[in-house]
């Protein structure tokens, strides 16, 4: 199980988005072919406009994974009463490959935080079998725990998050 010093605990990803879990697979998330996501690092919206490459380092070609990307800080981190906003779902990703080999269930939506610093969380679930997941009716008020339960996905096997805040016009130049 994750320790209290784990960045996912410190960043309140465990608690706000997912329950405590033991990572069993390594996942790497890379934007623009060279900007790797590490827990708690900051990215500007202009860096994350295109969907990232998400690699699954584990399992084999006969094991399948579902990836969820969500923002638990909507509309703002001090009062996230619209928690969570769904940004992306890809399922049936074969082990040892990346998200381009899976089926995009909900298309990638770039982060656009308006108020404060938002966390954007990538959660990877190991599927029990190749399966279709039931897409949510809306991106708003998405709940990762409920989605996992409704689709029989169990606890996550990997997770990583980055922080992102609104860019000033001067920063985009």
C-alpha atoms as a PDB file:
ATOM      1  CA  UNK A   1       0.000   0.000   0.000  1.00  0.00           C
ATOM      2  CA  UNK A   2       1.027   3.602  -0.524  1.00  0.00           C
ATOM      3  CA  UNK A   3       2.840   5.346   2.326  1.00  0.00           C
ATOM      4  CA  UNK A   4       1.925   8.697   3.859  1.00  0.00           C
ATOM      5  CA  UNK A   5       5.067  10.114   2.181  1.00  0.00           C
ATOM      6  CA  UNK A   6       3.816   8.990  -1.246  1.00  0.00           C
ATOM      7  CA  UNK A   7       3.240  12.019  -3.547  1.00  0.00           C
ATOM      8  CA  UNK A   8      -0.260  10.690  -4.319  1.00  0.00           C
ATOM      9  CA  UNK A   9      -1.115  11.007  -0.595  1.00  0.00           C
ATOM     10  CA  UNK A  10       0.585  14.376  -0.205  1.00  0.00           C
ATOM     11  CA  UNK A  11      -1.195  15.694  -3.312  1.00  0.00           C
ATOM     12  CA  UNK A  12      -4.508  14.278  -1.982  1.00  0.00           C
ATOM     13  CA  UNK A  13      -5.050  12.220  -5.140  1.00  0.00           C
ATOM     14  CA  UNK A  14      -5.490   9.259  -2.802  1.00  0.00           C
ATOM     15  CA  UNK A  15      -8.559  10.372  -0.922  1.00  0.00           C
ATOM     16  CA  UNK A  16     -10.035  12.900  -3.360  1.00  0.00           C
ATOM     17  CA  UNK A  17      -9.985  10.719  -6.489  1.00  0.00           C
ATOM     18  CA  UNK A  18      -8.968   7.147  -5.692  1.00  0.00           C
ATOM     19  CA  UNK A  19      -8.600   4.852  -2.716  1.00  0.00           C
ATOM     20  CA  UNK A  20      -5.276   3.609  -1.412  1.00  0.00           C
ATOM     21  CA  UNK A  21      -3.737   1.009  -3.730  1.00  0.00           C
ATOM     22  CA  UNK A  22      -0.485  -0.837  -4.352  1.00  0.00           C
ATOM     23  CA  UNK A  23       1.134   0.114  -7.682  1.00  0.00           C
ATOM     24  CA  UNK A  24       1.818  -3.062  -9.662  1.00  0.00           C
ATOM     25  CA  UNK A  25       2.526  -1.602 -13.106  1.00  0.00           C
ATOM     26  CA  UNK A  26       4.699   1.302 -14.178  1.00  0.00           C
ATOM     27  CA  UNK A  27       3.090   3.947 -16.376  1.00  0.00           C
ATOM     28  CA  UNK A  28       4.840   6.859 -18.077  1.00  0.00           C
ATOM     29  CA  UNK A  29       3.030   9.915 -19.406  1.00  0.00           C
ATOM     30  CA  UNK A  30       4.858  12.169 -21.851  1.00  0.00           C
ATOM     31  CA  UNK A  31       3.675  15.376 -23.531  1.00  0.00           C
ATOM     32  CA  UNK A  32       5.236  16.726 -26.738  1.00  0.00           C
ATOM     33  CA  UNK A  33       7.583  13.704 -26.938  1.00  0.00           C
ATOM     34  CA  UNK A  34       9.927  15.044 -24.233  1.00  0.00           C
ATOM     35  CA  UNK A  35       7.969  16.406 -21.230  1.00  0.00           C
ATOM     36  CA  UNK A  36       7.449  13.543 -18.792  1.00  0.00           C
ATOM     37  CA  UNK A  37       4.800  13.845 -16.075  1.00  0.00           C
ATOM     38  CA  UNK A  38       6.028  13.390 -12.498  1.00  0.00           C
ATOM     39  CA  UNK A  39       3.775  13.669  -9.450  1.00  0.00           C
ATOM     40  CA  UNK A  40       3.207  17.285  -8.484  1.00  0.00           C
ATOM     41  CA  UNK A  41       5.212  18.874 -11.300  1.00  0.00           C
ATOM     42  CA  UNK A  42       3.674  21.868 -13.020  1.00  0.00           C
ATOM     43  CA  UNK A  43       2.747  22.139 -16.686  1.00  0.00           C
ATOM     44  CA  UNK A  44       1.240  25.133 -18.436  1.00  0.00           C
ATOM     45  CA  UNK A  45      -1.926  24.664 -20.518  1.00  0.00           C
ATOM     46  CA  UNK A  46       0.035  25.517 -23.681  1.00  0.00           C
ATOM     47  CA  UNK A  47       2.233  22.448 -23.027  1.00  0.00           C
ATOM     48  CA  UNK A  48      -0.678  20.001 -22.677  1.00  0.00           C
ATOM     49  CA  UNK A  49      -2.887  20.917 -25.639  1.00  0.00           C
ATOM     50  CA  UNK A  50      -2.301  17.618 -27.467  1.00  0.00           C
ATOM     51  CA  UNK A  51      -2.946  14.236 -25.910  1.00  0.00           C
ATOM     52  CA  UNK A  52       0.115  12.685 -24.317  1.00  0.00           C
ATOM     53  CA  UNK A  53       1.781   9.375 -25.011  1.00  0.00           C
ATOM     54  CA  UNK A  54       0.914   7.038 -22.136  1.00  0.00           C
ATOM     55  CA  UNK A  55       3.048   3.904 -21.944  1.00  0.00           C
ATOM     56  CA  UNK A  56       2.179   0.834 -19.887  1.00  0.00           C
ATOM     57  CA  UNK A  57       5.325  -0.865 -18.610  1.00  0.00           C
ATOM     58  CA  UNK A  58       3.910  -4.125 -17.356  1.00  0.00           C
ATOM     59  CA  UNK A  59       1.644  -7.003 -18.100  1.00  0.00           C
ATOM     60  CA  UNK A  60       1.888  -8.582 -21.522  1.00  0.00           C
ATOM     61  CA  UNK A  61       0.030  -8.407 -24.820  1.00  0.00           C
ATOM     62  CA  UNK A  62      -2.740 -10.583 -23.333  1.00  0.00           C
ATOM     63  CA  UNK A  63      -3.459  -8.188 -20.449  1.00  0.00           C
ATOM     64  CA  UNK A  64      -5.510  -5.048 -21.017  1.00  0.00           C
ATOM     65  CA  UNK A  65      -5.710  -1.704 -19.231  1.00  0.00           C
ATOM     66  CA  UNK A  66      -8.094   1.249 -18.971  1.00  0.00           C
ATOM     67  CA  UNK A  67      -6.732   4.781 -18.629  1.00  0.00           C
ATOM     68  CA  UNK A  68      -8.715   7.639 -17.082  1.00  0.00           C
ATOM     69  CA  UNK A  69      -7.632  11.308 -16.944  1.00  0.00           C
ATOM     70  CA  UNK A  70      -9.568  13.577 -14.627  1.00  0.00           C
ATOM     71  CA  UNK A  71      -9.485  16.996 -12.910  1.00  0.00           C
ATOM     72  CA  UNK A  72     -10.716  16.815  -9.296  1.00  0.00           C
ATOM     73  CA  UNK A  73     -10.425  20.588  -8.729  1.00  0.00           C
ATOM     74  CA  UNK A  74     -13.364  21.945 -10.737  1.00  0.00           C
ATOM     75  CA  UNK A  75     -14.194  24.814 -10.736  1.00  0.00           C
ATOM     76  CA  UNK A  76     -11.387  25.683  -8.308  1.00  0.00           C
ATOM     77  CA  UNK A  77      -9.294  23.821  -5.735  1.00  0.00           C
ATOM     78  CA  UNK A  78     -10.616  25.766  -2.740  1.00  0.00           C
ATOM     79  CA  UNK A  79     -14.232  24.748  -3.487  1.00  0.00           C
ATOM     80  CA  UNK A  80     -14.323  21.839  -5.967  1.00  0.00           C
ATOM     81  CA  UNK A  81     -18.099  21.414  -5.837  1.00  0.00           C
ATOM     82  CA  UNK A  82     -18.180  20.164  -9.452  1.00  0.00           C
ATOM     83  CA  UNK A  83     -15.547  17.445  -8.803  1.00  0.00           C
ATOM     84  CA  UNK A  84     -14.434  15.633 -11.055  1.00  0.00           C
ATOM     85  CA  UNK A  85     -14.200  16.723 -14.691  1.00  0.00           C
ATOM     86  CA  UNK A  86     -13.345  13.922 -17.110  1.00  0.00           C
ATOM     87  CA  UNK A  87     -10.656  14.661 -19.704  1.00  0.00           C
ATOM     88  CA  UNK A  88      -9.971  11.280 -21.331  1.00  0.00           C
ATOM     89  CA  UNK A  89     -10.742   7.549 -21.283  1.00  0.00           C
ATOM     90  CA  UNK A  90      -8.896   4.902 -23.280  1.00  0.00           C
ATOM     91  CA  UNK A  91      -9.561   1.210 -22.746  1.00  0.00           C
ATOM     92  CA  UNK A  92      -8.285  -2.133 -24.004  1.00  0.00           C
ATOM     93  CA  UNK A  93      -4.664  -0.901 -23.978  1.00  0.00           C
ATOM     94  CA  UNK A  94      -2.509  -4.039 -24.293  1.00  0.00           C
ATOM     95  CA  UNK A  95       0.240  -4.423 -21.695  1.00  0.00           C
ATOM     96  CA  UNK A  96       3.757  -3.333 -22.749  1.00  0.00           C
ATOM     97  CA  UNK A  97       2.296  -0.887 -25.325  1.00  0.00           C
ATOM     98  CA  UNK A  98       0.891   2.639 -25.197  1.00  0.00           C
ATOM     99  CA  UNK A  99      -2.469   4.403 -25.357  1.00  0.00           C
ATOM    100  CA  UNK A 100      -2.442   4.564 -29.175  1.00  0.00           C
ATOM    101  CA  UNK A 101      -3.035   0.784 -29.175  1.00  0.00           C
ATOM    102  CA  UNK A 102      -6.204   1.132 -27.079  1.00  0.00           C
ATOM    103  CA  UNK A 103      -9.704   2.287 -27.906  1.00  0.00           C
ATOM    104  CA  UNK A 104     -10.467   5.936 -27.153  1.00  0.00           C
ATOM    105  CA  UNK A 105     -13.846   5.904 -25.384  1.00  0.00           C
ATOM    106  CA  UNK A 106     -13.888   9.600 -24.441  1.00  0.00           C
ATOM    107  CA  UNK A 107     -11.715  11.901 -26.564  1.00  0.00           C
ATOM    108  CA  UNK A 108      -8.882  13.911 -25.024  1.00  0.00           C
ATOM    109  CA  UNK A 109      -9.857  17.351 -23.772  1.00  0.00           C
ATOM    110  CA  UNK A 110      -6.993  19.710 -23.006  1.00  0.00           C
ATOM    111  CA  UNK A 111      -6.768  21.150 -19.483  1.00  0.00           C
ATOM    112  CA  UNK A 112      -8.169  24.680 -19.130  1.00  0.00           C
ATOM    113  CA  UNK A 113      -7.986  25.618 -15.445  1.00  0.00           C
ATOM    114  CA  UNK A 114      -9.602  28.988 -14.669  1.00  0.00           C
ATOM    115  CA  UNK A 115      -9.226  29.380 -10.912  1.00  0.00           C
ATOM    116  CA  UNK A 116      -6.162  28.327  -8.951  1.00  0.00           C
ATOM    117  CA  UNK A 117      -3.846  25.356  -9.408  1.00  0.00           C
ATOM    118  CA  UNK A 118      -5.596  22.199 -10.606  1.00  0.00           C
ATOM    119  CA  UNK A 119      -4.416  18.601 -10.363  1.00  0.00           C
ATOM    120  CA  UNK A 120      -4.768  16.505 -13.509  1.00  0.00           C
ATOM    121  CA  UNK A 121      -4.666  12.823 -12.673  1.00  0.00           C
ATOM    122  CA  UNK A 122      -3.939   9.811 -14.876  1.00  0.00           C
ATOM    123  CA  UNK A 123      -5.244   6.558 -13.387  1.00  0.00           C
ATOM    124  CA  UNK A 124      -4.527   3.148 -14.888  1.00  0.00           C
ATOM    125  CA  UNK A 125      -6.711   0.113 -14.161  1.00  0.00           C
ATOM    126  CA  UNK A 126      -5.985  -3.477 -15.146  1.00  0.00           C
ATOM    127  CA  UNK A 127      -8.986  -5.043 -16.836  1.00  0.00           C
ATOM    128  CA  UNK A 128     -10.045  -8.561 -15.909  1.00  0.00           C
ATOM    129  CA  UNK A 129     -10.568  -9.261 -19.606  1.00  0.00           C
ATOM    130  CA  UNK A 130     -10.871  -7.410 -22.886  1.00  0.00           C
ATOM    131  CA  UNK A 131     -14.051  -5.408 -22.456  1.00  0.00           C
ATOM    132  CA  UNK A 132     -15.968  -2.344 -23.452  1.00  0.00           C
ATOM    133  CA  UNK A 133     -16.396   0.236 -20.714  1.00  0.00           C
ATOM    134  CA  UNK A 134     -19.597   2.191 -20.325  1.00  0.00           C
ATOM    135  CA  UNK A 135     -18.825   5.843 -21.074  1.00  0.00           C
ATOM    136  CA  UNK A 136     -20.310   8.374 -18.683  1.00  0.00           C
ATOM    137  CA  UNK A 137     -23.267  10.478 -19.795  1.00  0.00           C
ATOM    138  CA  UNK A 138     -21.266  13.652 -19.149  1.00  0.00           C
ATOM    139  CA  UNK A 139     -17.686  14.769 -18.506  1.00  0.00           C
ATOM    140  CA  UNK A 140     -18.942  16.883 -15.591  1.00  0.00           C
ATOM    141  CA  UNK A 141     -19.216  15.468 -12.071  1.00  0.00           C
ATOM    142  CA  UNK A 142     -17.441  12.306 -13.156  1.00  0.00           C
ATOM    143  CA  UNK A 143     -16.481   9.941 -10.331  1.00  0.00           C
ATOM    144  CA  UNK A 144     -13.447   7.698 -10.882  1.00  0.00           C
ATOM    145  CA  UNK A 145     -14.383   5.320  -8.047  1.00  0.00           C
ATOM    146  CA  UNK A 146     -17.927   4.831  -9.388  1.00  0.00           C
ATOM    147  CA  UNK A 147     -16.644   4.399 -12.943  1.00  0.00           C
ATOM    148  CA  UNK A 148     -14.214   1.690 -11.783  1.00  0.00           C
ATOM    149  CA  UNK A 149     -16.957  -0.075  -9.834  1.00  0.00           C
ATOM    150  CA  UNK A 150     -19.535   0.104 -12.650  1.00  0.00           C
ATOM    151  CA  UNK A 151     -17.012  -1.362 -15.087  1.00  0.00           C
ATOM    152  CA  UNK A 152     -15.590  -3.991 -12.695  1.00  0.00           C
ATOM    153  CA  UNK A 153     -12.087  -2.520 -12.847  1.00  0.00           C
ATOM    154  CA  UNK A 154     -11.095  -2.808  -9.174  1.00  0.00           C
ATOM    155  CA  UNK A 155      -8.375  -0.652  -7.659  1.00  0.00           C
ATOM    156  CA  UNK A 156      -5.869   1.218  -9.842  1.00  0.00           C
ATOM    157  CA  UNK A 157      -2.519  -0.355 -10.710  1.00  0.00           C
ATOM    158  CA  UNK A 158      -0.776   2.981 -11.405  1.00  0.00           C
ATOM    159  CA  UNK A 159      -1.437   6.713 -11.107  1.00  0.00           C
ATOM    160  CA  UNK A 160       0.415   9.975 -11.700  1.00  0.00           C
ATOM    161  CA  UNK A 161      -0.651  13.614 -11.621  1.00  0.00           C
ATOM    162  CA  UNK A 162       0.547  17.052 -12.618  1.00  0.00           C
ATOM    163  CA  UNK A 163      -0.461  20.552 -11.549  1.00  0.00           C
ATOM    164  CA  UNK A 164      -1.655  23.165 -14.001  1.00  0.00           C
ATOM    165  CA  UNK A 165      -2.869  26.736 -13.694  1.00  0.00           C
ATOM    166  CA  UNK A 166      -4.113  29.401 -16.039  1.00  0.00           C
ATOM    167  CA  UNK A 167      -1.397  31.069 -18.078  1.00  0.00           C
ATOM    168  CA  UNK A 168      -1.040  34.799 -18.281  1.00  0.00           C
ATOM    169  CA  UNK A 169      -0.909  36.300 -21.765  1.00  0.00           C
ATOM    170  CA  UNK A 170       2.738  37.233 -21.177  1.00  0.00           C
ATOM    171  CA  UNK A 171       3.637  33.596 -20.364  1.00  0.00           C
ATOM    172  CA  UNK A 172       2.268  32.299 -23.682  1.00  0.00           C
ATOM    173  CA  UNK A 173       4.576  34.501 -25.771  1.00  0.00           C
END
